[in-house]
Amino acid sequence: MFTRGFVADLIAKGCAYESEGDVYFDVSKAKDYGKLIGVSGLTVYHWEAGKAKPRRRQLPAIAAVRGLGKREAAARLAGKK
């Protein structure tokens, strides 16, 4: 469902982590990640769990967040951008 680049970006941003060769979404970060892309944390969790897929209209926001660095993401979450 997700590309390796997307997963690597999530790990780099601290939203996911690797354990014993598997990658897990840090559900404590789902709310923040959802806020950045305009969905709920529960929606992000459902995507990660394979219970749902992002809608076509959500893909541009997901792609835009992939390009954010940690500082820019933190600034957006704090309402500074």
PDB file of N, CA and C in Angstrom:
ATOM      1  N   MET A   1       0.821  -1.194   0.000  1.00  0.00           N
ATOM      2  CA  MET A   1       0.000   0.000   0.000  1.00  0.00           C
ATOM      3  C   MET A   1       0.865   1.258   0.000  1.00  0.00           C
ATOM      4  N   PHE A   2       1.845   1.350   0.878  1.00  0.00           N
ATOM      5  CA  PHE A   2       2.712   2.508   0.945  1.00  0.00           C
ATOM      6  C   PHE A   2       4.066   2.184   0.341  1.00  0.00           C
ATOM      7  N   THR A   3       4.709   3.184  -0.210  1.00  0.00           N
ATOM      8  CA  THR A   3       6.028   2.982  -0.788  1.00  0.00           C
ATOM      9  C   THR A   3       7.088   2.966   0.311  1.00  0.00           C
ATOM     10  N   ARG A   4       8.240   2.416  -0.016  1.00  0.00           N
ATOM     11  CA  ARG A   4       9.340   2.403   0.954  1.00  0.00           C
ATOM     12  C   ARG A   4       9.761   3.811   1.325  1.00  0.00           C
ATOM     13  N   GLY A   5       9.710   4.729   0.349  1.00  0.00           N
ATOM     14  CA  GLY A   5      10.068   6.123   0.629  1.00  0.00           C
ATOM     15  C   GLY A   5       9.134   6.754   1.641  1.00  0.00           C
ATOM     16  N   PHE A   6       7.853   6.453   1.516  1.00  0.00           N
ATOM     17  CA  PHE A   6       6.869   6.979   2.458  1.00  0.00           C
ATOM     18  C   PHE A   6       7.147   6.458   3.855  1.00  0.00           C
ATOM     19  N   VAL A   7       7.418   5.168   3.957  1.00  0.00           N
ATOM     20  CA  VAL A   7       7.713   4.562   5.262  1.00  0.00           C
ATOM     21  C   VAL A   7       8.993   5.145   5.832  1.00  0.00           C
ATOM     22  N   ALA A   8      10.014   5.308   4.995  1.00  0.00           N
ATOM     23  CA  ALA A   8      11.275   5.899   5.460  1.00  0.00           C
ATOM     24  C   ALA A   8      11.047   7.318   5.969  1.00  0.00           C
ATOM     25  N   ASP A   9      10.182   8.073   5.286  1.00  0.00           N
ATOM     26  CA  ASP A   9       9.868   9.427   5.734  1.00  0.00           C
ATOM     27  C   ASP A   9       9.182   9.412   7.098  1.00  0.00           C
ATOM     28  N   LEU A  10       8.259   8.485   7.289  1.00  0.00           N
ATOM     29  CA  LEU A  10       7.577   8.388   8.583  1.00  0.00           C
ATOM     30  C   LEU A  10       8.559   8.059   9.697  1.00  0.00           C
ATOM     31  N   ILE A  11       9.486   7.161   9.426  1.00  0.00           N
ATOM     32  CA  ILE A  11      10.507   6.814  10.423  1.00  0.00           C
ATOM     33  C   ILE A  11      11.374   8.028  10.717  1.00  0.00           C
ATOM     34  N   ALA A  12      11.813   8.730   9.669  1.00  0.00           N
ATOM     35  CA  ALA A  12      12.668   9.907   9.845  1.00  0.00           C
ATOM     36  C   ALA A  12      11.980  11.009  10.639  1.00  0.00           C
ATOM     37  N   LYS A  13      10.671  11.124  10.494  1.00  0.00           N
ATOM     38  CA  LYS A  13       9.916  12.155  11.204  1.00  0.00           C
ATOM     39  C   LYS A  13       9.494  11.703  12.609  1.00  0.00           C
ATOM     40  N   GLY A  14       9.849  10.474  12.973  1.00  0.00           N
ATOM     41  CA  GLY A  14       9.504   9.986  14.299  1.00  0.00           C
ATOM     42  C   GLY A  14       8.079   9.481  14.420  1.00  0.00           C
ATOM     43  N   CYS A  15       7.395   9.276  13.290  1.00  0.00           N
ATOM     44  CA  CYS A  15       6.009   8.806  13.316  1.00  0.00           C
ATOM     45  C   CYS A  15       5.906   7.291  13.264  1.00  0.00           C
ATOM     46  N   ALA A  16       6.995   6.629  12.941  1.00  0.00           N
ATOM     47  CA  ALA A  16       7.020   5.174  12.870  1.00  0.00           C
ATOM     48  C   ALA A  16       8.375   4.696  13.372  1.00  0.00           C
ATOM     49  N   TYR A  17       8.450   3.426  13.657  1.00  0.00           N
ATOM     50  CA  TYR A  17       9.715   2.865  14.131  1.00  0.00           C
ATOM     51  C   TYR A  17       9.856   1.437  13.627  1.00  0.00           C
ATOM     52  N   GLU A  18      11.090   0.980  13.569  1.00  0.00           N
ATOM     53  CA  GLU A  18      11.379  -0.369  13.095  1.00  0.00           C
ATOM     54  C   GLU A  18      11.708  -1.248  14.291  1.00  0.00           C
ATOM     55  N   SER A  19      11.216  -2.471  14.261  1.00  0.00           N
ATOM     56  CA  SER A  19      11.513  -3.438  15.305  1.00  0.00           C
ATOM     57  C   SER A  19      11.584  -4.824  14.687  1.00  0.00           C
ATOM     58  N   GLU A  20      12.734  -5.447  14.803  1.00  0.00           N
ATOM     59  CA  GLU A  20      12.955  -6.805  14.301  1.00  0.00           C
ATOM     60  C   GLU A  20      12.549  -6.956  12.839  1.00  0.00           C
ATOM     61  N   GLY A  21      12.902  -5.968  12.022  1.00  0.00           N
ATOM     62  CA  GLY A  21      12.635  -6.037  10.591  1.00  0.00           C
ATOM     63  C   GLY A  21      11.258  -5.587  10.158  1.00  0.00           C
ATOM     64  N   ASP A  22      10.392  -5.270  11.092  1.00  0.00           N
ATOM     65  CA  ASP A  22       9.052  -4.780  10.767  1.00  0.00           C
ATOM     66  C   ASP A  22       8.962  -3.299  11.126  1.00  0.00           C
ATOM     67  N   VAL A  23       8.071  -2.585  10.474  1.00  0.00           N
ATOM     68  CA  VAL A  23       7.869  -1.168  10.749  1.00  0.00           C
ATOM     69  C   VAL A  23       6.497  -0.989  11.383  1.00  0.00           C
ATOM     70  N   TYR A  24       6.472  -0.222  12.465  1.00  0.00           N
ATOM     71  CA  TYR A  24       5.237   0.029  13.200  1.00  0.00           C
ATOM     72  C   TYR A  24       4.978   1.525  13.272  1.00  0.00           C
ATOM     73  N   PHE A  25       3.726   1.911  13.101  1.00  0.00           N
ATOM     74  CA  PHE A  25       3.353   3.306  13.231  1.00  0.00           C
ATOM     75  C   PHE A  25       3.251   3.630  14.711  1.00  0.00           C
ATOM     76  N   ASP A  26       3.846   4.727  15.100  1.00  0.00           N
ATOM     77  CA  ASP A  26       3.771   5.173  16.486  1.00  0.00           C
ATOM     78  C   ASP A  26       2.411   5.845  16.672  1.00  0.00           C
ATOM     79  N   VAL A  27       1.464   5.113  17.242  1.00  0.00           N
ATOM     80  CA  VAL A  27       0.095   5.625  17.343  1.00  0.00           C
ATOM     81  C   VAL A  27       0.010   6.883  18.187  1.00  0.00           C
ATOM     82  N   SER A  28       0.991   7.129  19.030  1.00  0.00           N
ATOM     83  CA  SER A  28       0.978   8.373  19.794  1.00  0.00           C
ATOM     84  C   SER A  28       1.209   9.576  18.883  1.00  0.00           C
ATOM     85  N   LYS A  29       1.723   9.343  17.679  1.00  0.00           N
ATOM     86  CA  LYS A  29       1.971  10.420  16.717  1.00  0.00           C
ATOM     87  C   LYS A  29       0.874  10.537  15.669  1.00  0.00           C
ATOM     88  N   ALA A  30      -0.056   9.611  15.639  1.00  0.00           N
ATOM     89  CA  ALA A  30      -1.097   9.592  14.607  1.00  0.00           C
ATOM     90  C   ALA A  30      -1.916  10.880  14.622  1.00  0.00           C
ATOM     91  N   LYS A  31      -2.211  11.399  15.791  1.00  0.00           N
ATOM     92  CA  LYS A  31      -3.007  12.621  15.894  1.00  0.00           C
ATOM     93  C   LYS A  31      -2.273  13.789  15.240  1.00  0.00           C
ATOM     94  N   ASP A  32      -0.976  13.929  15.526  1.00  0.00           N
ATOM     95  CA  ASP A  32      -0.189  15.006  14.926  1.00  0.00           C
ATOM     96  C   ASP A  32      -0.060  14.827  13.420  1.00  0.00           C
ATOM     97  N   TYR A  33       0.212  13.615  12.981  1.00  0.00           N
ATOM     98  CA  TYR A  33       0.340  13.368  11.548  1.00  0.00           C
ATOM     99  C   TYR A  33      -0.989  13.661  10.852  1.00  0.00           C
ATOM    100  N   GLY A  34      -2.080  13.243  11.471  1.00  0.00           N
ATOM    101  CA  GLY A  34      -3.400  13.533  10.913  1.00  0.00           C
ATOM    102  C   GLY A  34      -3.663  15.021  10.815  1.00  0.00           C
ATOM    103  N   LYS A  35      -3.243  15.753  11.835  1.00  0.00           N
ATOM    104  CA  LYS A  35      -3.434  17.202  11.818  1.00  0.00           C
ATOM    105  C   LYS A  35      -2.683  17.833  10.642  1.00  0.00           C
ATOM    106  N   LEU A  36      -1.497  17.341  10.357  1.00  0.00           N
ATOM    107  CA  LEU A  36      -0.708  17.873   9.252  1.00  0.00           C
ATOM    108  C   LEU A  36      -1.351  17.625   7.891  1.00  0.00           C
ATOM    109  N   ILE A  37      -2.084  16.527   7.766  1.00  0.00           N
ATOM    110  CA  ILE A  37      -2.679  16.208   6.464  1.00  0.00           C
ATOM    111  C   ILE A  37      -4.193  16.426   6.430  1.00  0.00           C
ATOM    112  N   GLY A  38      -4.768  16.883   7.528  1.00  0.00           N
ATOM    113  CA  GLY A  38      -6.178  17.237   7.546  1.00  0.00           C
ATOM    114  C   GLY A  38      -7.139  16.095   7.791  1.00  0.00           C
ATOM    115  N   VAL A  39      -6.693  15.068   8.513  1.00  0.00           N
ATOM    116  CA  VAL A  39      -7.573  13.952   8.885  1.00  0.00           C
ATOM    117  C   VAL A  39      -7.395  13.663  10.369  1.00  0.00           C
ATOM    118  N   SER A  40      -8.210  12.793  10.905  1.00  0.00           N
ATOM    119  CA  SER A  40      -8.087  12.445  12.322  1.00  0.00           C
ATOM    120  C   SER A  40      -6.959  11.436  12.545  1.00  0.00           C
ATOM    121  N   GLY A  41      -6.508  11.362  13.764  1.00  0.00           N
ATOM    122  CA  GLY A  41      -5.508  10.362  14.127  1.00  0.00           C
ATOM    123  C   GLY A  41      -6.043   8.955  13.929  1.00  0.00           C
ATOM    124  N   LEU A  42      -7.313   8.765  14.175  1.00  0.00           N
ATOM    125  CA  LEU A  42      -7.922   7.451  13.985  1.00  0.00           C
ATOM    126  C   LEU A  42      -7.882   7.044  12.514  1.00  0.00           C
ATOM    127  N   THR A  43      -8.096   8.003  11.627  1.00  0.00           N
ATOM    128  CA  THR A  43      -8.008   7.715  10.192  1.00  0.00           C
ATOM    129  C   THR A  43      -6.612   7.245   9.832  1.00  0.00           C
ATOM    130  N   VAL A  44      -5.590   7.920  10.329  1.00  0.00           N
ATOM    131  CA  VAL A  44      -4.198   7.525  10.071  1.00  0.00           C
ATOM    132  C   VAL A  44      -3.947   6.124  10.613  1.00  0.00           C
ATOM    133  N   TYR A  45      -4.436   5.866  11.805  1.00  0.00           N
ATOM    134  CA  TYR A  45      -4.270   4.544  12.401  1.00  0.00           C
ATOM    135  C   TYR A  45      -4.920   3.466  11.522  1.00  0.00           C
ATOM    136  N   HIS A  46      -6.106   3.737  11.011  1.00  0.00           N
ATOM    137  CA  HIS A  46      -6.792   2.772  10.140  1.00  0.00           C
ATOM    138  C   HIS A  46      -6.016   2.534   8.849  1.00  0.00           C
ATOM    139  N   TRP A  47      -5.399   3.580   8.307  1.00  0.00           N
ATOM    140  CA  TRP A  47      -4.566   3.392   7.116  1.00  0.00           C
ATOM    141  C   TRP A  47      -3.414   2.457   7.429  1.00  0.00           C
ATOM    142  N   GLU A  48      -2.744   2.720   8.537  1.00  0.00           N
ATOM    143  CA  GLU A  48      -1.572   1.930   8.899  1.00  0.00           C
ATOM    144  C   GLU A  48      -1.950   0.484   9.182  1.00  0.00           C
ATOM    145  N   ALA A  49      -3.109   0.287   9.782  1.00  0.00           N
ATOM    146  CA  ALA A  49      -3.559  -1.059  10.126  1.00  0.00           C
ATOM    147  C   ALA A  49      -4.146  -1.805   8.927  1.00  0.00           C
ATOM    148  N   GLY A  50      -4.271  -1.124   7.795  1.00  0.00           N
ATOM    149  CA  GLY A  50      -4.819  -1.752   6.601  1.00  0.00           C
ATOM    150  C   GLY A  50      -6.340  -1.836   6.600  1.00  0.00           C
ATOM    151  N   LYS A  51      -6.982  -1.117   7.505  1.00  0.00           N
ATOM    152  CA  LYS A  51      -8.440  -1.133   7.588  1.00  0.00           C
ATOM    153  C   LYS A  51      -9.084  -0.150   6.617  1.00  0.00           C
ATOM    154  N   ALA A  52      -8.283   0.772   6.103  1.00  0.00           N
ATOM    155  CA  ALA A  52      -8.784   1.780   5.170  1.00  0.00           C
ATOM    156  C   ALA A  52      -7.614   2.253   4.314  1.00  0.00           C
ATOM    157  N   LYS A  53      -7.953   2.950   3.234  1.00  0.00           N
ATOM    158  CA  LYS A  53      -6.938   3.532   2.350  1.00  0.00           C
ATOM    159  C   LYS A  53      -7.216   5.022   2.216  1.00  0.00           C
ATOM    160  N   PRO A  54      -6.176   5.811   2.027  1.00  0.00           N
ATOM    161  CA  PRO A  54      -6.415   7.241   1.811  1.00  0.00           C
ATOM    162  C   PRO A  54      -7.263   7.467   0.564  1.00  0.00           C
ATOM    163  N   ARG A  55      -8.101   8.462   0.615  1.00  0.00           N
ATOM    164  CA  ARG A  55      -8.903   8.840  -0.545  1.00  0.00           C
ATOM    165  C   ARG A  55      -8.035   9.624  -1.518  1.00  0.00           C
ATOM    166  N   ARG A  56      -8.428   9.591  -2.755  1.00  0.00           N
ATOM    167  CA  ARG A  56      -7.656  10.270  -3.810  1.00  0.00           C
ATOM    168  C   ARG A  56      -7.435  11.743  -3.469  1.00  0.00           C
ATOM    169  N   ARG A  57      -8.444  12.390  -2.912  1.00  0.00           N
ATOM    170  CA  ARG A  57      -8.314  13.818  -2.592  1.00  0.00           C
ATOM    171  C   ARG A  57      -7.338  14.074  -1.444  1.00  0.00           C
ATOM    172  N   GLN A  58      -7.005  13.058  -0.668  1.00  0.00           N
ATOM    173  CA  GLN A  58      -6.071  13.208   0.446  1.00  0.00           C
ATOM    174  C   GLN A  58      -4.616  13.016   0.022  1.00  0.00           C
ATOM    175  N   LEU A  59      -4.393  12.442  -1.144  1.00  0.00           N
ATOM    176  CA  LEU A  59      -3.035  12.133  -1.585  1.00  0.00           C
ATOM    177  C   LEU A  59      -2.133  13.354  -1.739  1.00  0.00           C
ATOM    178  N   PRO A  60      -2.621  14.485  -2.268  1.00  0.00           N
ATOM    179  CA  PRO A  60      -1.734  15.652  -2.347  1.00  0.00           C
ATOM    180  C   PRO A  60      -1.233  16.121  -0.975  1.00  0.00           C
ATOM    181  N   ALA A  61      -2.090  16.079   0.038  1.00  0.00           N
ATOM    182  CA  ALA A  61      -1.678  16.484   1.383  1.00  0.00           C
ATOM    183  C   ALA A  61      -0.640  15.523   1.944  1.00  0.00           C
ATOM    184  N   ILE A  62      -0.828  14.237   1.702  1.00  0.00           N
ATOM    185  CA  ILE A  62       0.142  13.236   2.158  1.00  0.00           C
ATOM    186  C   ILE A  62       1.477  13.484   1.469  1.00  0.00           C
ATOM    187  N   ALA A  63       1.444  13.729   0.176  1.00  0.00           N
ATOM    188  CA  ALA A  63       2.680  13.988  -0.569  1.00  0.00           C
ATOM    189  C   ALA A  63       3.373  15.246  -0.067  1.00  0.00           C
ATOM    190  N   ALA A  64       2.605  16.275   0.248  1.00  0.00           N
ATOM    191  CA  ALA A  64       3.188  17.527   0.742  1.00  0.00           C
ATOM    192  C   ALA A  64       3.877  17.335   2.091  1.00  0.00           C
ATOM    193  N   VAL A  65       3.273  16.558   2.965  1.00  0.00           N
ATOM    194  CA  VAL A  65       3.858  16.314   4.288  1.00  0.00           C
ATOM    195  C   VAL A  65       5.148  15.514   4.180  1.00  0.00           C
ATOM    196  N   ARG A  66       5.227  14.652   3.170  1.00  0.00           N
ATOM    197  CA  ARG A  66       6.454  13.870   2.971  1.00  0.00           C
ATOM    198  C   ARG A  66       7.661  14.766   2.801  1.00  0.00           C
ATOM    199  N   GLY A  67       7.477  15.951   2.243  1.00  0.00           N
ATOM    200  CA  GLY A  67       8.588  16.856   1.995  1.00  0.00           C
ATOM    201  C   GLY A  67       8.957  17.742   3.176  1.00  0.00           C
ATOM    202  N   LEU A  68       8.213  17.662   4.245  1.00  0.00           N
ATOM    203  CA  LEU A  68       8.501  18.495   5.418  1.00  0.00           C
ATOM    204  C   LEU A  68       9.645  17.917   6.245  1.00  0.00           C
ATOM    205  N   GLY A  69      10.460  18.792   6.773  1.00  0.00           N
ATOM    206  CA  GLY A  69      11.454  18.372   7.755  1.00  0.00           C
ATOM    207  C   GLY A  69      10.828  18.391   9.139  1.00  0.00           C
ATOM    208  N   LYS A  70      11.553  17.889  10.119  1.00  0.00           N
ATOM    209  CA  LYS A  70      11.019  17.842  11.485  1.00  0.00           C
ATOM    210  C   LYS A  70      10.670  19.226  12.011  1.00  0.00           C
ATOM    211  N   ARG A  71      11.553  20.195  11.752  1.00  0.00           N
ATOM    212  CA  ARG A  71      11.311  21.551  12.275  1.00  0.00           C
ATOM    213  C   ARG A  71      10.080  22.191  11.647  1.00  0.00           C
ATOM    214  N   GLU A  72       9.941  22.034  10.332  1.00  0.00           N
ATOM    215  CA  GLU A  72       8.785  22.614   9.653  1.00  0.00           C
ATOM    216  C   GLU A  72       7.494  21.934  10.108  1.00  0.00           C
ATOM    217  N   ALA A  73       7.519  20.629  10.281  1.00  0.00           N
ATOM    218  CA  ALA A  73       6.336  19.903  10.758  1.00  0.00           C
ATOM    219  C   ALA A  73       5.983  20.385  12.167  1.00  0.00           C
ATOM    220  N   ALA A  74       6.981  20.529  13.020  1.00  0.00           N
ATOM    221  CA  ALA A  74       6.735  20.999  14.387  1.00  0.00           C
ATOM    222  C   ALA A  74       6.169  22.421  14.383  1.00  0.00           C
ATOM    223  N   ALA A  75       6.681  23.267  13.494  1.00  0.00           N
ATOM    224  CA  ALA A  75       6.178  24.638  13.401  1.00  0.00           C
ATOM    225  C   ALA A  75       4.723  24.647  12.959  1.00  0.00           C
ATOM    226  N   ARG A  76       4.379  23.829  11.981  1.00  0.00           N
ATOM    227  CA  ARG A  76       2.985  23.759  11.526  1.00  0.00           C
ATOM    228  C   ARG A  76       2.070  23.257  12.637  1.00  0.00           C
ATOM    229  N   LEU A  77       2.521  22.271  13.373  1.00  0.00           N
ATOM    230  CA  LEU A  77       1.713  21.751  14.476  1.00  0.00           C
ATOM    231  C   LEU A  77       1.510  22.808  15.569  1.00  0.00           C
ATOM    232  N   ALA A  78       2.514  23.642  15.741  1.00  0.00           N
ATOM    233  CA  ALA A  78       2.426  24.706  16.751  1.00  0.00           C
ATOM    234  C   ALA A  78       1.661  25.913  16.233  1.00  0.00           C
ATOM    235  N   GLY A  79       1.239  25.866  14.959  1.00  0.00           N
ATOM    236  CA  GLY A  79       0.475  26.950  14.376  1.00  0.00           C
ATOM    237  C   GLY A  79       1.313  28.111  13.903  1.00  0.00           C
ATOM    238  N   LYS A  80       2.608  27.882  13.705  1.00  0.00           N
ATOM    239  CA  LYS A  80       3.506  28.962  13.286  1.00  0.00           C
ATOM    240  C   LYS A  80       3.596  29.100  11.784  1.00  0.00           C
ATOM    241  N   LYS A  81       3.000  28.182  11.025  1.00  0.00           N
ATOM    242  CA  LYS A  81       3.010  28.272   9.560  1.00  0.00           C
ATOM    243  C   LYS A  81       1.673  27.892   9.021  1.00  0.00           C
TER     244      LYS A  81
END
